[in-house]
């Protein structure tokens, strides 16, 4: 192994460590990655994330030992440009996109990334959630313009995937300071109920059940239905709901739920999913839990 800068132990916060290493230019060495587990070393989705970092940088140096339990990463120049990446199906595109959102504004050339894989699953933030919450947050810091876009070209549910997302972001040399001291009261709720390879009525049933909860508290509720067909519907059936509550001061609360992946666990009814997601949003508002905290802290630090 080559000489190194910062030493870390274990697989926790692997993405965050690599993202901060890339932004700061400091080399990192991560050892004992799941060294005591039956299947030690990096997982396939983590290796896929490292390959994505290699694509958006120029001159990065990556060394992994034979068992995958030690990773050495020397970041190169954040270049950007046009990038295409097939994300591992073990995690959704949101897992990879969260890191790109932190890196994209500081690249040498504007980023145009095409990511393929799972767009919606029960584990990671969905593309719809990041589009509704992360992009407005970035605009607060002056990262806006025609070049900032996140578009779902094809929707792919777990476990088969088949989705495609286009993310473009302009470059910003400086970031505008932001003062957010008050959360504010909720002024409206927006959402997306999506369905693929199932009846379009599934999305309508989700909307009706979710509205039966949130309309008791707020009249300004609009939930868009998105049903993709044919080649744009991915390889696996499924449905889900994403809800976002916006405050008067421009803060966001979010909640989302997706159906159980095909062949895994017990099936869920659209009505139950809509009600549970609406109740989850109300709980997020009650607990004052904000989304995209990692991105917010990073932009504050920059």
C-alpha atoms as a PDB file:
ATOM      1  CA  UNK A   1       0.000   0.000   0.000  1.00  0.00           C
ATOM      2  CA  UNK A   2       1.154   3.498  -0.768  1.00  0.00           C
ATOM      3  CA  UNK A   3       1.783   6.140   1.846  1.00  0.00           C
ATOM      4  CA  UNK A   4      -1.403   7.688   3.132  1.00  0.00           C
ATOM      5  CA  UNK A   5      -2.870  10.727   4.869  1.00  0.00           C
ATOM      6  CA  UNK A   6      -5.878  10.078   7.079  1.00  0.00           C
ATOM      7  CA  UNK A   7      -6.564   6.652   8.601  1.00  0.00           C
ATOM      8  CA  UNK A   8     -10.057   5.276   9.194  1.00  0.00           C
ATOM      9  CA  UNK A   9     -11.308   1.987  10.548  1.00  0.00           C
ATOM     10  CA  UNK A  10     -14.411   0.087   9.439  1.00  0.00           C
ATOM     11  CA  UNK A  11     -17.037   0.566   6.736  1.00  0.00           C
ATOM     12  CA  UNK A  12     -19.145   3.218   8.491  1.00  0.00           C
ATOM     13  CA  UNK A  13     -19.567   6.516   6.627  1.00  0.00           C
ATOM     14  CA  UNK A  14     -17.625   5.212   3.617  1.00  0.00           C
ATOM     15  CA  UNK A  15     -19.374   7.545   1.174  1.00  0.00           C
ATOM     16  CA  UNK A  16     -18.936  10.599   3.368  1.00  0.00           C
ATOM     17  CA  UNK A  17     -15.248   9.881   3.913  1.00  0.00           C
ATOM     18  CA  UNK A  18     -14.576   9.516   0.204  1.00  0.00           C
ATOM     19  CA  UNK A  19     -16.620  12.612  -0.704  1.00  0.00           C
ATOM     20  CA  UNK A  20     -14.810  14.772   1.852  1.00  0.00           C
ATOM     21  CA  UNK A  21     -11.491  13.312   0.755  1.00  0.00           C
ATOM     22  CA  UNK A  22     -12.284  14.281  -2.846  1.00  0.00           C
ATOM     23  CA  UNK A  23     -13.264  17.836  -1.910  1.00  0.00           C
ATOM     24  CA  UNK A  24     -10.312  18.431   0.403  1.00  0.00           C
ATOM     25  CA  UNK A  25      -7.709  16.636  -1.723  1.00  0.00           C
ATOM     26  CA  UNK A  26      -6.508  14.569   1.250  1.00  0.00           C
ATOM     27  CA  UNK A  27      -5.592  10.921   0.828  1.00  0.00           C
ATOM     28  CA  UNK A  28      -7.432   8.385   2.987  1.00  0.00           C
ATOM     29  CA  UNK A  29      -6.792   4.805   3.986  1.00  0.00           C
ATOM     30  CA  UNK A  30      -9.729   2.754   5.284  1.00  0.00           C
ATOM     31  CA  UNK A  31      -8.896  -0.604   6.856  1.00  0.00           C
ATOM     32  CA  UNK A  32     -10.733  -3.449   8.586  1.00  0.00           C
ATOM     33  CA  UNK A  33     -13.701  -3.152   6.240  1.00  0.00           C
ATOM     34  CA  UNK A  34     -16.024  -5.884   7.567  1.00  0.00           C
ATOM     35  CA  UNK A  35     -12.920  -7.889   8.471  1.00  0.00           C
ATOM     36  CA  UNK A  36     -14.752  -9.979  11.092  1.00  0.00           C
ATOM     37  CA  UNK A  37     -17.801 -10.850   8.976  1.00  0.00           C
ATOM     38  CA  UNK A  38     -18.387 -14.080   7.051  1.00  0.00           C
ATOM     39  CA  UNK A  39     -18.107 -12.116   3.801  1.00  0.00           C
ATOM     40  CA  UNK A  40     -15.363  -9.557   4.476  1.00  0.00           C
ATOM     41  CA  UNK A  41     -14.462  -6.564   2.366  1.00  0.00           C
ATOM     42  CA  UNK A  42     -16.224  -4.029   0.197  1.00  0.00           C
ATOM     43  CA  UNK A  43     -19.714  -4.781  -1.088  1.00  0.00           C
ATOM     44  CA  UNK A  44     -20.506  -4.612  -4.784  1.00  0.00           C
ATOM     45  CA  UNK A  45     -22.481  -1.369  -4.411  1.00  0.00           C
ATOM     46  CA  UNK A  46     -19.551   0.274  -2.613  1.00  0.00           C
ATOM     47  CA  UNK A  47     -17.175  -0.789  -5.379  1.00  0.00           C
ATOM     48  CA  UNK A  48     -19.633   0.665  -7.890  1.00  0.00           C
ATOM     49  CA  UNK A  49     -19.649   3.957  -5.970  1.00  0.00           C
ATOM     50  CA  UNK A  50     -15.838   4.070  -6.052  1.00  0.00           C
ATOM     51  CA  UNK A  51     -15.920   3.545  -9.835  1.00  0.00           C
ATOM     52  CA  UNK A  52     -18.330   6.478 -10.128  1.00  0.00           C
ATOM     53  CA  UNK A  53     -15.922   8.683  -8.162  1.00  0.00           C
ATOM     54  CA  UNK A  54     -13.170   7.620 -10.531  1.00  0.00           C
ATOM     55  CA  UNK A  55     -15.310   8.687 -13.511  1.00  0.00           C
ATOM     56  CA  UNK A  56     -16.037  12.206 -12.228  1.00  0.00           C
ATOM     57  CA  UNK A  57     -12.403  12.815 -11.228  1.00  0.00           C
ATOM     58  CA  UNK A  58      -9.196  12.914 -13.232  1.00  0.00           C
ATOM     59  CA  UNK A  59      -6.063  11.241 -11.877  1.00  0.00           C
ATOM     60  CA  UNK A  60      -7.528   9.506  -8.843  1.00  0.00           C
ATOM     61  CA  UNK A  61      -5.507   6.621  -7.445  1.00  0.00           C
ATOM     62  CA  UNK A  62      -7.389   3.696  -5.897  1.00  0.00           C
ATOM     63  CA  UNK A  63      -5.859   0.605  -4.316  1.00  0.00           C
ATOM     64  CA  UNK A  64      -7.805  -2.272  -2.772  1.00  0.00           C
ATOM     65  CA  UNK A  65      -6.157  -5.299  -1.187  1.00  0.00           C
ATOM     66  CA  UNK A  66      -6.976  -8.866  -2.240  1.00  0.00           C
ATOM     67  CA  UNK A  67      -9.682  -9.431   0.390  1.00  0.00           C
ATOM     68  CA  UNK A  68     -11.243  -5.994  -0.065  1.00  0.00           C
ATOM     69  CA  UNK A  69     -10.784  -5.092   3.612  1.00  0.00           C
ATOM     70  CA  UNK A  70      -8.321  -2.228   2.977  1.00  0.00           C
ATOM     71  CA  UNK A  71      -8.961   0.726   0.664  1.00  0.00           C
ATOM     72  CA  UNK A  72      -6.478   3.456  -0.244  1.00  0.00           C
ATOM     73  CA  UNK A  73      -7.891   6.472  -2.076  1.00  0.00           C
ATOM     74  CA  UNK A  74      -5.896   9.409  -3.388  1.00  0.00           C
ATOM     75  CA  UNK A  75      -8.340  11.865  -4.985  1.00  0.00           C
ATOM     76  CA  UNK A  76      -7.644  13.480  -8.316  1.00  0.00           C
ATOM     77  CA  UNK A  77      -9.032  16.649  -9.853  1.00  0.00           C
ATOM     78  CA  UNK A  78     -12.817  17.015  -9.749  1.00  0.00           C
ATOM     79  CA  UNK A  79     -13.397  17.261 -13.476  1.00  0.00           C
ATOM     80  CA  UNK A  80     -17.087  16.537 -14.171  1.00  0.00           C
ATOM     81  CA  UNK A  81     -18.205  16.570 -17.791  1.00  0.00           C
ATOM     82  CA  UNK A  82     -20.449  13.941 -19.343  1.00  0.00           C
ATOM     83  CA  UNK A  83     -20.610  10.720 -17.290  1.00  0.00           C
ATOM     84  CA  UNK A  84     -22.572   7.491 -17.693  1.00  0.00           C
ATOM     85  CA  UNK A  85     -22.711   4.915 -14.910  1.00  0.00           C
ATOM     86  CA  UNK A  86     -24.569   1.653 -14.315  1.00  0.00           C
ATOM     87  CA  UNK A  87     -25.306   1.624 -10.582  1.00  0.00           C
ATOM     88  CA  UNK A  88     -25.258  -1.644  -8.685  1.00  0.00           C
ATOM     89  CA  UNK A  89     -28.780  -2.963  -8.089  1.00  0.00           C
ATOM     90  CA  UNK A  90     -28.157  -3.652  -4.393  1.00  0.00           C
ATOM     91  CA  UNK A  91     -28.744   0.064  -3.713  1.00  0.00           C
ATOM     92  CA  UNK A  92     -30.866   2.612  -5.516  1.00  0.00           C
ATOM     93  CA  UNK A  93     -29.616   5.516  -7.632  1.00  0.00           C
ATOM     94  CA  UNK A  94     -30.328   7.812  -4.674  1.00  0.00           C
ATOM     95  CA  UNK A  95     -27.353   6.272  -2.846  1.00  0.00           C
ATOM     96  CA  UNK A  96     -25.016   7.458  -5.601  1.00  0.00           C
ATOM     97  CA  UNK A  97     -26.883  10.682  -6.324  1.00  0.00           C
ATOM     98  CA  UNK A  98     -26.566  11.984  -2.758  1.00  0.00           C
ATOM     99  CA  UNK A  99     -22.785  12.031  -3.167  1.00  0.00           C
ATOM    100  CA  UNK A 100     -22.948  13.657  -6.620  1.00  0.00           C
ATOM    101  CA  UNK A 101     -25.124  16.444  -5.215  1.00  0.00           C
ATOM    102  CA  UNK A 102     -22.309  17.305  -2.805  1.00  0.00           C
ATOM    103  CA  UNK A 103     -19.569  17.160  -5.435  1.00  0.00           C
ATOM    104  CA  UNK A 104     -21.197  18.553  -8.589  1.00  0.00           C
ATOM    105  CA  UNK A 105     -21.072  22.326  -7.835  1.00  0.00           C
ATOM    106  CA  UNK A 106     -17.303  22.238  -7.248  1.00  0.00           C
ATOM    107  CA  UNK A 107     -16.186  20.484 -10.434  1.00  0.00           C
ATOM    108  CA  UNK A 108     -14.064  22.007 -13.177  1.00  0.00           C
ATOM    109  CA  UNK A 109     -16.724  21.617 -15.884  1.00  0.00           C
ATOM    110  CA  UNK A 110     -20.529  21.335 -15.521  1.00  0.00           C
ATOM    111  CA  UNK A 111     -21.630  17.804 -14.730  1.00  0.00           C
ATOM    112  CA  UNK A 112     -24.011  15.838 -16.928  1.00  0.00           C
ATOM    113  CA  UNK A 113     -24.481  12.418 -15.337  1.00  0.00           C
ATOM    114  CA  UNK A 114     -26.648   9.584 -16.631  1.00  0.00           C
ATOM    115  CA  UNK A 115     -27.229   6.974 -13.929  1.00  0.00           C
ATOM    116  CA  UNK A 116     -28.949   3.644 -14.573  1.00  0.00           C
ATOM    117  CA  UNK A 117     -30.342   1.188 -12.044  1.00  0.00           C
ATOM    118  CA  UNK A 118     -33.027   1.232  -9.328  1.00  0.00           C
ATOM    119  CA  UNK A 119     -34.765   4.609  -9.003  1.00  0.00           C
ATOM    120  CA  UNK A 120     -37.127   3.665  -6.160  1.00  0.00           C
ATOM    121  CA  UNK A 121     -36.653   1.220  -3.301  1.00  0.00           C
ATOM    122  CA  UNK A 122     -37.571   1.122   0.423  1.00  0.00           C
ATOM    123  CA  UNK A 123     -33.966   1.673   1.613  1.00  0.00           C
ATOM    124  CA  UNK A 124     -32.442   4.789   0.015  1.00  0.00           C
ATOM    125  CA  UNK A 125     -33.843   8.250  -0.789  1.00  0.00           C
ATOM    126  CA  UNK A 126     -35.662   8.082  -4.090  1.00  0.00           C
ATOM    127  CA  UNK A 127     -34.876  10.316  -7.039  1.00  0.00           C
ATOM    128  CA  UNK A 128     -38.268  12.018  -6.577  1.00  0.00           C
ATOM    129  CA  UNK A 129     -37.403  12.944  -2.983  1.00  0.00           C
ATOM    130  CA  UNK A 130     -34.007  14.392  -3.905  1.00  0.00           C
ATOM    131  CA  UNK A 131     -35.557  16.368  -6.749  1.00  0.00           C
ATOM    132  CA  UNK A 132     -38.193  17.891  -4.446  1.00  0.00           C
ATOM    133  CA  UNK A 133     -35.919  18.677  -1.484  1.00  0.00           C
ATOM    134  CA  UNK A 134     -32.215  18.739  -2.412  1.00  0.00           C
ATOM    135  CA  UNK A 135     -32.461  20.937  -5.521  1.00  0.00           C
ATOM    136  CA  UNK A 136     -34.378  23.756  -3.737  1.00  0.00           C
ATOM    137  CA  UNK A 137     -31.797  23.563  -0.940  1.00  0.00           C
ATOM    138  CA  UNK A 138     -28.956  23.971  -3.442  1.00  0.00           C
ATOM    139  CA  UNK A 139     -30.732  26.938  -5.023  1.00  0.00           C
ATOM    140  CA  UNK A 140     -30.771  28.678  -1.637  1.00  0.00           C
ATOM    141  CA  UNK A 141     -26.976  28.603  -1.712  1.00  0.00           C
ATOM    142  CA  UNK A 142     -26.869  30.145  -5.190  1.00  0.00           C
ATOM    143  CA  UNK A 143     -26.423  26.850  -7.072  1.00  0.00           C
ATOM    144  CA  UNK A 144     -29.152  27.393  -9.628  1.00  0.00           C
ATOM    145  CA  UNK A 145     -29.785  28.312 -13.227  1.00  0.00           C
ATOM    146  CA  UNK A 146     -30.854  26.419 -16.310  1.00  0.00           C
ATOM    147  CA  UNK A 147     -28.106  23.843 -15.810  1.00  0.00           C
ATOM    148  CA  UNK A 148     -29.515  22.439 -12.557  1.00  0.00           C
ATOM    149  CA  UNK A 149     -31.895  19.583 -13.375  1.00  0.00           C
ATOM    150  CA  UNK A 150     -32.791  16.136 -12.103  1.00  0.00           C
ATOM    151  CA  UNK A 151     -34.998  14.127 -14.436  1.00  0.00           C
ATOM    152  CA  UNK A 152     -36.400  10.598 -14.230  1.00  0.00           C
ATOM    153  CA  UNK A 153     -36.109   9.277 -17.796  1.00  0.00           C
ATOM    154  CA  UNK A 154     -37.079   5.703 -16.900  1.00  0.00           C
ATOM    155  CA  UNK A 155     -38.419   4.443 -13.587  1.00  0.00           C
ATOM    156  CA  UNK A 156     -37.042   1.175 -12.239  1.00  0.00           C
ATOM    157  CA  UNK A 157     -38.215  -0.542  -9.067  1.00  0.00           C
ATOM    158  CA  UNK A 158     -36.205  -2.982  -6.959  1.00  0.00           C
ATOM    159  CA  UNK A 159     -34.978  -5.641  -7.430  1.00  0.00           C
ATOM    160  CA  UNK A 160     -34.756  -5.620 -11.248  1.00  0.00           C
ATOM    161  CA  UNK A 161     -34.031  -1.934 -11.790  1.00  0.00           C
ATOM    162  CA  UNK A 162     -34.015  -0.752 -15.375  1.00  0.00           C
ATOM    163  CA  UNK A 163     -34.422   2.918 -14.452  1.00  0.00           C
ATOM    164  CA  UNK A 164     -32.496   5.875 -15.817  1.00  0.00           C
ATOM    165  CA  UNK A 165     -31.883   9.320 -14.333  1.00  0.00           C
ATOM    166  CA  UNK A 166     -30.314  12.427 -15.841  1.00  0.00           C
ATOM    167  CA  UNK A 167     -28.615  14.885 -13.468  1.00  0.00           C
ATOM    168  CA  UNK A 168     -27.044  18.118 -14.653  1.00  0.00           C
ATOM    169  CA  UNK A 169     -25.432  20.775 -12.457  1.00  0.00           C
ATOM    170  CA  UNK A 170     -23.592  24.035 -13.164  1.00  0.00           C
ATOM    171  CA  UNK A 171     -20.262  24.950 -11.586  1.00  0.00           C
ATOM    172  CA  UNK A 172     -20.091  27.520  -8.789  1.00  0.00           C
ATOM    173  CA  UNK A 173     -16.803  29.010  -7.567  1.00  0.00           C
ATOM    174  CA  UNK A 174     -18.434  30.656  -4.565  1.00  0.00           C
ATOM    175  CA  UNK A 175     -21.513  29.833  -2.500  1.00  0.00           C
ATOM    176  CA  UNK A 176     -24.012  32.387  -1.268  1.00  0.00           C
ATOM    177  CA  UNK A 177     -24.361  32.585   2.544  1.00  0.00           C
ATOM    178  CA  UNK A 178     -27.747  31.511   3.888  1.00  0.00           C
ATOM    179  CA  UNK A 179     -29.430  32.271   7.201  1.00  0.00           C
ATOM    180  CA  UNK A 180     -32.020  29.749   8.317  1.00  0.00           C
ATOM    181  CA  UNK A 181     -33.051  30.228  11.918  1.00  0.00           C
ATOM    182  CA  UNK A 182     -36.808  29.653  11.758  1.00  0.00           C
ATOM    183  CA  UNK A 183     -38.529  26.608  10.320  1.00  0.00           C
ATOM    184  CA  UNK A 184     -41.892  28.306   9.779  1.00  0.00           C
ATOM    185  CA  UNK A 185     -45.391  26.930   9.463  1.00  0.00           C
ATOM    186  CA  UNK A 186     -46.468  24.459   6.805  1.00  0.00           C
ATOM    187  CA  UNK A 187     -48.062  26.172   3.797  1.00  0.00           C
ATOM    188  CA  UNK A 188     -48.561  23.297   1.361  1.00  0.00           C
ATOM    189  CA  UNK A 189     -47.981  19.604   0.730  1.00  0.00           C
ATOM    190  CA  UNK A 190     -46.912  18.169  -2.608  1.00  0.00           C
ATOM    191  CA  UNK A 191     -46.191  14.603  -3.631  1.00  0.00           C
ATOM    192  CA  UNK A 192     -45.770  11.981  -6.313  1.00  0.00           C
ATOM    193  CA  UNK A 193     -47.572   8.630  -6.374  1.00  0.00           C
ATOM    194  CA  UNK A 194     -45.838   6.363  -8.882  1.00  0.00           C
ATOM    195  CA  UNK A 195     -46.568   2.936 -10.303  1.00  0.00           C
ATOM    196  CA  UNK A 196     -44.854   0.710 -12.870  1.00  0.00           C
ATOM    197  CA  UNK A 197     -45.910  -2.618 -14.353  1.00  0.00           C
ATOM    198  CA  UNK A 198     -49.101  -2.605 -12.268  1.00  0.00           C
ATOM    199  CA  UNK A 199     -52.568  -1.121 -12.807  1.00  0.00           C
ATOM    200  CA  UNK A 200     -52.614   2.709 -13.024  1.00  0.00           C
ATOM    201  CA  UNK A 201     -55.381   2.571 -10.406  1.00  0.00           C
ATOM    202  CA  UNK A 202     -52.755   1.704  -7.807  1.00  0.00           C
ATOM    203  CA  UNK A 203     -51.464   5.282  -7.831  1.00  0.00           C
ATOM    204  CA  UNK A 204     -54.983   6.706  -7.579  1.00  0.00           C
ATOM    205  CA  UNK A 205     -55.737   4.495  -4.579  1.00  0.00           C
ATOM    206  CA  UNK A 206     -52.540   5.701  -2.895  1.00  0.00           C
ATOM    207  CA  UNK A 207     -53.494   9.345  -3.483  1.00  0.00           C
ATOM    208  CA  UNK A 208     -57.004   8.923  -2.048  1.00  0.00           C
ATOM    209  CA  UNK A 209     -55.771   7.207   1.109  1.00  0.00           C
ATOM    210  CA  UNK A 210     -52.985   9.754   1.700  1.00  0.00           C
ATOM    211  CA  UNK A 211     -55.328  12.704   1.202  1.00  0.00           C
ATOM    212  CA  UNK A 212     -57.751  11.238   3.730  1.00  0.00           C
ATOM    213  CA  UNK A 213     -55.094  11.916   6.379  1.00  0.00           C
ATOM    214  CA  UNK A 214     -53.332  15.147   5.361  1.00  0.00           C
ATOM    215  CA  UNK A 215     -56.480  17.006   4.233  1.00  0.00           C
ATOM    216  CA  UNK A 216     -57.615  17.033   7.867  1.00  0.00           C
ATOM    217  CA  UNK A 217     -54.797  19.495   8.588  1.00  0.00           C
ATOM    218  CA  UNK A 218     -54.223  21.408   5.355  1.00  0.00           C
ATOM    219  CA  UNK A 219     -56.354  22.137   2.261  1.00  0.00           C
ATOM    220  CA  UNK A 220     -53.444  22.920  -0.111  1.00  0.00           C
ATOM    221  CA  UNK A 221     -52.501  19.339  -1.009  1.00  0.00           C
ATOM    222  CA  UNK A 222     -51.616  18.159  -4.501  1.00  0.00           C
ATOM    223  CA  UNK A 223     -50.273  14.679  -5.218  1.00  0.00           C
ATOM    224  CA  UNK A 224     -49.218  14.002  -8.799  1.00  0.00           C
ATOM    225  CA  UNK A 225     -49.660  10.491 -10.246  1.00  0.00           C
ATOM    226  CA  UNK A 226     -46.883   9.078 -12.422  1.00  0.00           C
ATOM    227  CA  UNK A 227     -47.509   5.829 -14.285  1.00  0.00           C
ATOM    228  CA  UNK A 228     -44.806   4.775 -16.735  1.00  0.00           C
ATOM    229  CA  UNK A 229     -45.363   2.104 -19.362  1.00  0.00           C
ATOM    230  CA  UNK A 230     -43.359   0.036 -21.806  1.00  0.00           C
ATOM    231  CA  UNK A 231     -39.603   0.555 -21.996  1.00  0.00           C
ATOM    232  CA  UNK A 232     -39.775   3.375 -19.421  1.00  0.00           C
ATOM    233  CA  UNK A 233     -41.238   1.155 -16.687  1.00  0.00           C
ATOM    234  CA  UNK A 234     -38.123  -0.822 -15.782  1.00  0.00           C
ATOM    235  CA  UNK A 235     -37.931  -4.543 -15.114  1.00  0.00           C
ATOM    236  CA  UNK A 236     -39.870  -5.034 -11.857  1.00  0.00           C
ATOM    237  CA  UNK A 237     -43.433  -4.148 -10.779  1.00  0.00           C
ATOM    238  CA  UNK A 238     -44.091  -1.805  -7.893  1.00  0.00           C
ATOM    239  CA  UNK A 239     -45.603   1.407  -6.604  1.00  0.00           C
ATOM    240  CA  UNK A 240     -44.926   4.028  -3.955  1.00  0.00           C
ATOM    241  CA  UNK A 241     -45.509   7.526  -2.628  1.00  0.00           C
ATOM    242  CA  UNK A 242     -43.323  10.559  -1.868  1.00  0.00           C
ATOM    243  CA  UNK A 243     -44.695  13.496   0.146  1.00  0.00           C
ATOM    244  CA  UNK A 244     -43.047  16.858   0.823  1.00  0.00           C
ATOM    245  CA  UNK A 245     -44.335  19.568   3.153  1.00  0.00           C
ATOM    246  CA  UNK A 246     -43.020  23.083   2.443  1.00  0.00           C
ATOM    247  CA  UNK A 247     -42.943  25.808   5.097  1.00  0.00           C
ATOM    248  CA  UNK A 248     -43.371  29.564   4.770  1.00  0.00           C
ATOM    249  CA  UNK A 249     -39.607  29.983   5.290  1.00  0.00           C
ATOM    250  CA  UNK A 250     -38.686  27.573   2.507  1.00  0.00           C
ATOM    251  CA  UNK A 251     -37.844  24.518   4.607  1.00  0.00           C
ATOM    252  CA  UNK A 252     -38.952  21.012   3.673  1.00  0.00           C
ATOM    253  CA  UNK A 253     -40.173  17.937   5.510  1.00  0.00           C
ATOM    254  CA  UNK A 254     -40.421  14.728   3.548  1.00  0.00           C
ATOM    255  CA  UNK A 255     -41.591  11.150   3.834  1.00  0.00           C
ATOM    256  CA  UNK A 256     -41.750   8.295   1.376  1.00  0.00           C
ATOM    257  CA  UNK A 257     -42.678   4.647   1.192  1.00  0.00           C
ATOM    258  CA  UNK A 258     -42.370   2.042  -1.551  1.00  0.00           C
ATOM    259  CA  UNK A 259     -44.000  -1.321  -2.054  1.00  0.00           C
ATOM    260  CA  UNK A 260     -42.186  -4.470  -1.035  1.00  0.00           C
ATOM    261  CA  UNK A 261     -39.775  -5.565  -3.801  1.00  0.00           C
ATOM    262  CA  UNK A 262     -40.997  -8.488  -5.885  1.00  0.00           C
ATOM    263  CA  UNK A 263     -40.218 -11.799  -4.199  1.00  0.00           C
ATOM    264  CA  UNK A 264     -39.226 -10.215  -0.880  1.00  0.00           C
ATOM    265  CA  UNK A 265     -41.487 -10.162   2.185  1.00  0.00           C
ATOM    266  CA  UNK A 266     -45.235  -9.679   2.416  1.00  0.00           C
ATOM    267  CA  UNK A 267     -47.088  -7.592  -0.185  1.00  0.00           C
ATOM    268  CA  UNK A 268     -48.524  -4.220   0.866  1.00  0.00           C
ATOM    269  CA  UNK A 269     -51.876  -2.679  -0.097  1.00  0.00           C
ATOM    270  CA  UNK A 270     -51.853   0.749  -1.812  1.00  0.00           C
ATOM    271  CA  UNK A 271     -54.310   2.088   0.788  1.00  0.00           C
ATOM    272  CA  UNK A 272     -52.076   1.041   3.686  1.00  0.00           C
ATOM    273  CA  UNK A 273     -49.024   2.511   1.982  1.00  0.00           C
ATOM    274  CA  UNK A 274     -50.730   5.877   1.439  1.00  0.00           C
ATOM    275  CA  UNK A 275     -52.001   6.124   5.020  1.00  0.00           C
ATOM    276  CA  UNK A 276     -48.679   5.067   6.549  1.00  0.00           C
ATOM    277  CA  UNK A 277     -46.698   7.514   4.395  1.00  0.00           C
ATOM    278  CA  UNK A 278     -49.018  10.393   5.338  1.00  0.00           C
ATOM    279  CA  UNK A 279     -48.674   9.535   9.039  1.00  0.00           C
ATOM    280  CA  UNK A 280     -44.902   9.334   8.626  1.00  0.00           C
ATOM    281  CA  UNK A 281     -44.864  12.853   7.163  1.00  0.00           C
ATOM    282  CA  UNK A 282     -46.895  14.162  10.109  1.00  0.00           C
ATOM    283  CA  UNK A 283     -44.431  12.550  12.492  1.00  0.00           C
ATOM    284  CA  UNK A 284     -41.495  14.139  10.653  1.00  0.00           C
ATOM    285  CA  UNK A 285     -43.166  17.548  11.033  1.00  0.00           C
ATOM    286  CA  UNK A 286     -43.840  16.930  14.723  1.00  0.00           C
ATOM    287  CA  UNK A 287     -40.233  15.901  15.380  1.00  0.00           C
ATOM    288  CA  UNK A 288     -38.837  18.735  13.174  1.00  0.00           C
ATOM    289  CA  UNK A 289     -36.719  16.290  11.197  1.00  0.00           C
ATOM    290  CA  UNK A 290     -35.186  17.935   8.115  1.00  0.00           C
ATOM    291  CA  UNK A 291     -33.950  16.134   5.013  1.00  0.00           C
ATOM    292  CA  UNK A 292     -30.591  16.374   3.218  1.00  0.00           C
ATOM    293  CA  UNK A 293     -28.769  17.248   6.433  1.00  0.00           C
ATOM    294  CA  UNK A 294     -25.422  16.005   5.074  1.00  0.00           C
ATOM    295  CA  UNK A 295     -25.657  18.203   1.985  1.00  0.00           C
ATOM    296  CA  UNK A 296     -26.702  21.168   4.125  1.00  0.00           C
ATOM    297  CA  UNK A 297     -23.733  20.794   6.496  1.00  0.00           C
ATOM    298  CA  UNK A 298     -21.287  20.393   3.619  1.00  0.00           C
ATOM    299  CA  UNK A 299     -22.510  23.532   1.835  1.00  0.00           C
ATOM    300  CA  UNK A 300     -22.339  25.438   5.135  1.00  0.00           C
ATOM    301  CA  UNK A 301     -18.727  24.296   5.603  1.00  0.00           C
ATOM    302  CA  UNK A 302     -17.771  25.365   2.092  1.00  0.00           C
END
